[in-house]
Amino acid sequence: MQVARRFARRRPARSGFTLIEVLLVLAILGVIAAMVVPNLLGRQDEANRRASRISIAGFENAVKQYAAEHDGQFPEGNGDSVIQMLMSPEQTDDSAKPRAPYLEKVPLDAWKNALRYEYPASGNHQSTTGKPAIWSAGPDRQDDTADDINNWSQN
């Protein structure tokens, strides 16, 4: 018997996780994800709205710069025609060097749609300040809905 014991192999101790331990860790991760994901989704929407407001402010600054160099007159028209005019360089009166464009590229909202522009503003786009109306149609891409972001009201 002693010979049999001596030659009997010892089983090495198993190192690893049991199925119960793995399932417990997955359950904990699921609970954490269920608590965190809704908060992150709400933050993404607000981040997109802030990014769109920043784009609108940049577009508005370009239009104000144009007005400062053109006797206080904002560019008249809407949409693409004004954006293309602001993107094309002008000749200055005092030198042959072309003036830098007011806009480097088409201003986009956070949803990659071109911002809208209108001056003089009309309809729902009027403000009491007399400045041009600049807005994003928001995530639904439809004008004049509750999710629009603009420069004439705090929304």
Protein backbone atom coordinates (compact mmCIF):
# COMPACT_ATOMS: atom_id res chain seq x y z
CA MET A 1 0.00 0.00 0.00
CA GLN A 2 2.76 2.34 0.70
CA VAL A 3 4.07 1.80 -2.78
CA ALA A 4 0.69 2.66 -4.24
CA ARG A 5 0.54 5.86 -2.20
CA ARG A 6 4.01 6.86 -3.15
CA PHE A 7 3.36 6.49 -6.85
CA ALA A 8 -0.09 7.97 -6.75
CA ARG A 9 -0.09 11.38 -8.38
CA ARG A 10 -1.33 14.31 -6.52
CA ARG A 11 -3.82 16.43 -8.29
CA PRO A 12 -2.66 20.00 -8.59
CA ALA A 13 -4.89 22.56 -6.90
CA ARG A 14 -7.17 24.19 -9.45
CA SER A 15 -6.74 27.92 -9.90
CA GLY A 16 -9.64 29.68 -11.60
CA PHE A 17 -13.15 30.95 -11.11
CA THR A 18 -16.25 28.94 -10.58
CA LEU A 19 -19.32 29.48 -12.67
CA ILE A 20 -21.08 31.10 -9.70
CA GLU A 21 -18.28 33.65 -9.28
CA VAL A 22 -18.33 34.58 -12.97
CA LEU A 23 -22.12 34.97 -12.97
CA LEU A 24 -21.96 37.12 -9.84
CA VAL A 25 -19.42 39.48 -11.45
CA LEU A 26 -21.56 39.73 -14.61
CA ALA A 27 -24.64 40.53 -12.52
CA ILE A 28 -22.77 43.30 -10.68
CA LEU A 29 -21.52 44.77 -13.97
CA GLY A 30 -25.08 44.67 -15.34
CA VAL A 31 -26.44 46.59 -12.35
CA ILE A 32 -23.70 49.23 -12.67
CA ALA A 33 -24.34 49.60 -16.41
CA ALA A 34 -28.09 49.96 -15.79
CA MET A 35 -27.39 52.87 -13.43
CA VAL A 36 -24.74 54.64 -15.56
CA VAL A 37 -26.03 54.38 -19.15
CA PRO A 38 -29.20 56.51 -18.70
CA ASN A 39 -27.11 59.29 -17.14
CA LEU A 40 -24.66 59.22 -20.03
CA LEU A 41 -27.43 59.38 -22.64
CA GLY A 42 -28.90 62.49 -21.03
CA ARG A 43 -25.47 64.11 -20.96
CA GLN A 44 -24.91 63.44 -24.67
CA ASP A 45 -28.08 65.31 -25.62
CA GLU A 46 -27.08 68.32 -23.53
CA ALA A 47 -23.54 68.22 -24.94
CA ASN A 48 -24.98 68.29 -28.49
CA ARG A 49 -27.17 71.28 -27.60
CA ARG A 50 -24.16 73.14 -26.14
CA ALA A 51 -22.02 72.35 -29.19
CA SER A 52 -24.79 73.69 -31.44
CA ARG A 53 -25.04 76.89 -29.38
CA ILE A 54 -21.28 77.35 -29.74
CA SER A 55 -21.55 76.89 -33.54
CA ILE A 56 -24.37 79.43 -33.66
CA ALA A 57 -22.27 81.90 -31.65
CA GLY A 58 -19.31 81.42 -34.02
CA PHE A 59 -21.55 82.01 -37.05
CA GLU A 60 -23.04 85.08 -35.38
CA ASN A 61 -19.54 86.45 -34.71
CA ALA A 62 -18.62 86.01 -38.39
CA VAL A 63 -21.78 87.90 -39.40
CA LYS A 64 -20.99 90.67 -36.89
CA GLN A 65 -17.47 90.96 -38.27
CA TYR A 66 -18.93 91.28 -41.77
CA ALA A 67 -21.30 94.01 -40.53
CA ALA A 68 -18.45 95.87 -38.81
CA GLU A 69 -16.56 96.01 -42.10
CA HIS A 70 -19.64 96.92 -44.18
CA ASP A 71 -21.06 100.01 -42.43
CA GLY A 72 -23.07 98.01 -39.91
CA GLN A 73 -25.08 96.13 -42.54
CA PHE A 74 -25.63 92.43 -41.96
CA PRO A 75 -25.60 90.23 -45.06
CA GLU A 76 -29.14 89.97 -46.39
CA GLY A 77 -30.66 86.74 -47.54
CA ASN A 78 -30.88 83.27 -46.15
CA GLY A 79 -29.06 79.99 -45.97
CA ASP A 80 -26.55 78.88 -48.55
CA SER A 81 -26.19 82.17 -50.42
CA VAL A 82 -25.07 84.05 -47.31
CA ILE A 83 -22.82 81.21 -46.15
CA GLN A 84 -21.12 81.03 -49.57
CA MET A 85 -20.65 84.81 -49.59
CA LEU A 86 -19.05 84.69 -46.12
CA MET A 87 -16.76 81.88 -47.25
CA SER A 88 -15.52 83.58 -50.42
CA PRO A 89 -12.65 86.03 -49.92
CA GLU A 90 -13.17 89.67 -50.85
CA GLN A 91 -10.77 92.17 -52.33
CA THR A 92 -9.86 95.04 -50.04
CA ASP A 93 -10.01 98.59 -51.33
CA ASP A 94 -6.54 99.59 -50.15
CA SER A 95 -4.45 96.62 -51.30
CA ALA A 96 -4.37 93.85 -53.85
CA LYS A 97 -4.29 91.16 -51.15
CA PRO A 98 -7.51 89.21 -50.80
CA ARG A 99 -9.26 89.49 -47.47
CA ALA A 100 -9.58 86.35 -45.41
CA PRO A 101 -13.05 84.78 -45.53
CA TYR A 102 -15.37 85.37 -42.58
CA LEU A 103 -16.10 81.64 -42.42
CA GLU A 104 -13.61 78.86 -43.14
CA LYS A 105 -16.25 76.18 -43.65
CA VAL A 106 -20.00 75.71 -43.59
CA PRO A 107 -21.14 76.05 -39.97
CA LEU A 108 -22.73 72.82 -38.76
CA ASP A 109 -24.73 71.90 -35.70
CA ALA A 110 -23.90 68.87 -33.54
CA TRP A 111 -25.98 66.63 -35.82
CA LYS A 112 -23.86 67.60 -38.89
CA ASN A 113 -26.57 69.77 -40.48
CA ALA A 114 -25.87 73.25 -41.83
CA LEU A 115 -27.07 76.08 -39.61
CA ARG A 116 -29.91 78.21 -40.94
CA TYR A 117 -29.62 81.99 -41.43
CA GLU A 118 -32.15 84.67 -42.22
CA TYR A 119 -31.87 88.45 -42.39
CA PRO A 120 -34.08 90.32 -42.17
CA ALA A 121 -35.70 87.78 -39.91
CA SER A 122 -39.38 86.99 -40.40
CA GLY A 123 -42.11 84.85 -38.91
CA ASN A 124 -41.06 82.72 -35.96
CA HIS A 125 -37.44 83.77 -36.40
CA GLN A 126 -37.79 87.40 -35.37
CA SER A 127 -35.92 88.81 -32.41
CA THR A 128 -36.27 92.10 -30.61
CA THR A 129 -32.57 92.91 -31.08
CA GLY A 130 -32.70 93.34 -34.86
CA LYS A 131 -29.88 90.90 -35.43
CA PRO A 132 -29.98 88.09 -37.99
CA ALA A 133 -31.75 84.87 -37.08
CA ILE A 134 -29.40 81.89 -36.85
CA TRP A 135 -30.69 78.51 -35.79
CA SER A 136 -30.31 74.75 -35.83
CA ALA A 137 -33.28 72.51 -36.50
CA GLY A 138 -32.08 70.26 -33.67
CA PRO A 139 -32.02 66.48 -33.56
CA ASP A 140 -35.31 66.05 -35.42
CA ARG A 141 -34.02 68.15 -38.37
CA GLN A 142 -37.41 69.90 -38.65
CA ASP A 143 -37.73 73.70 -38.47
CA ASP A 144 -40.02 75.38 -35.98
CA THR A 145 -40.27 72.51 -33.52
CA ALA A 146 -39.61 72.46 -29.79
CA ASP A 147 -36.07 71.11 -30.12
CA ASP A 148 -34.75 73.98 -32.31
CA ILE A 149 -31.73 75.88 -30.99
CA ASN A 150 -31.45 79.55 -31.91
CA ASN A 151 -29.78 82.88 -31.16
CA TRP A 152 -32.90 84.92 -30.34
CA SER A 153 -34.20 83.07 -27.29
CA GLN A 154 -32.83 81.07 -24.40
CA ASN A 155 -33.66 77.45 -25.20
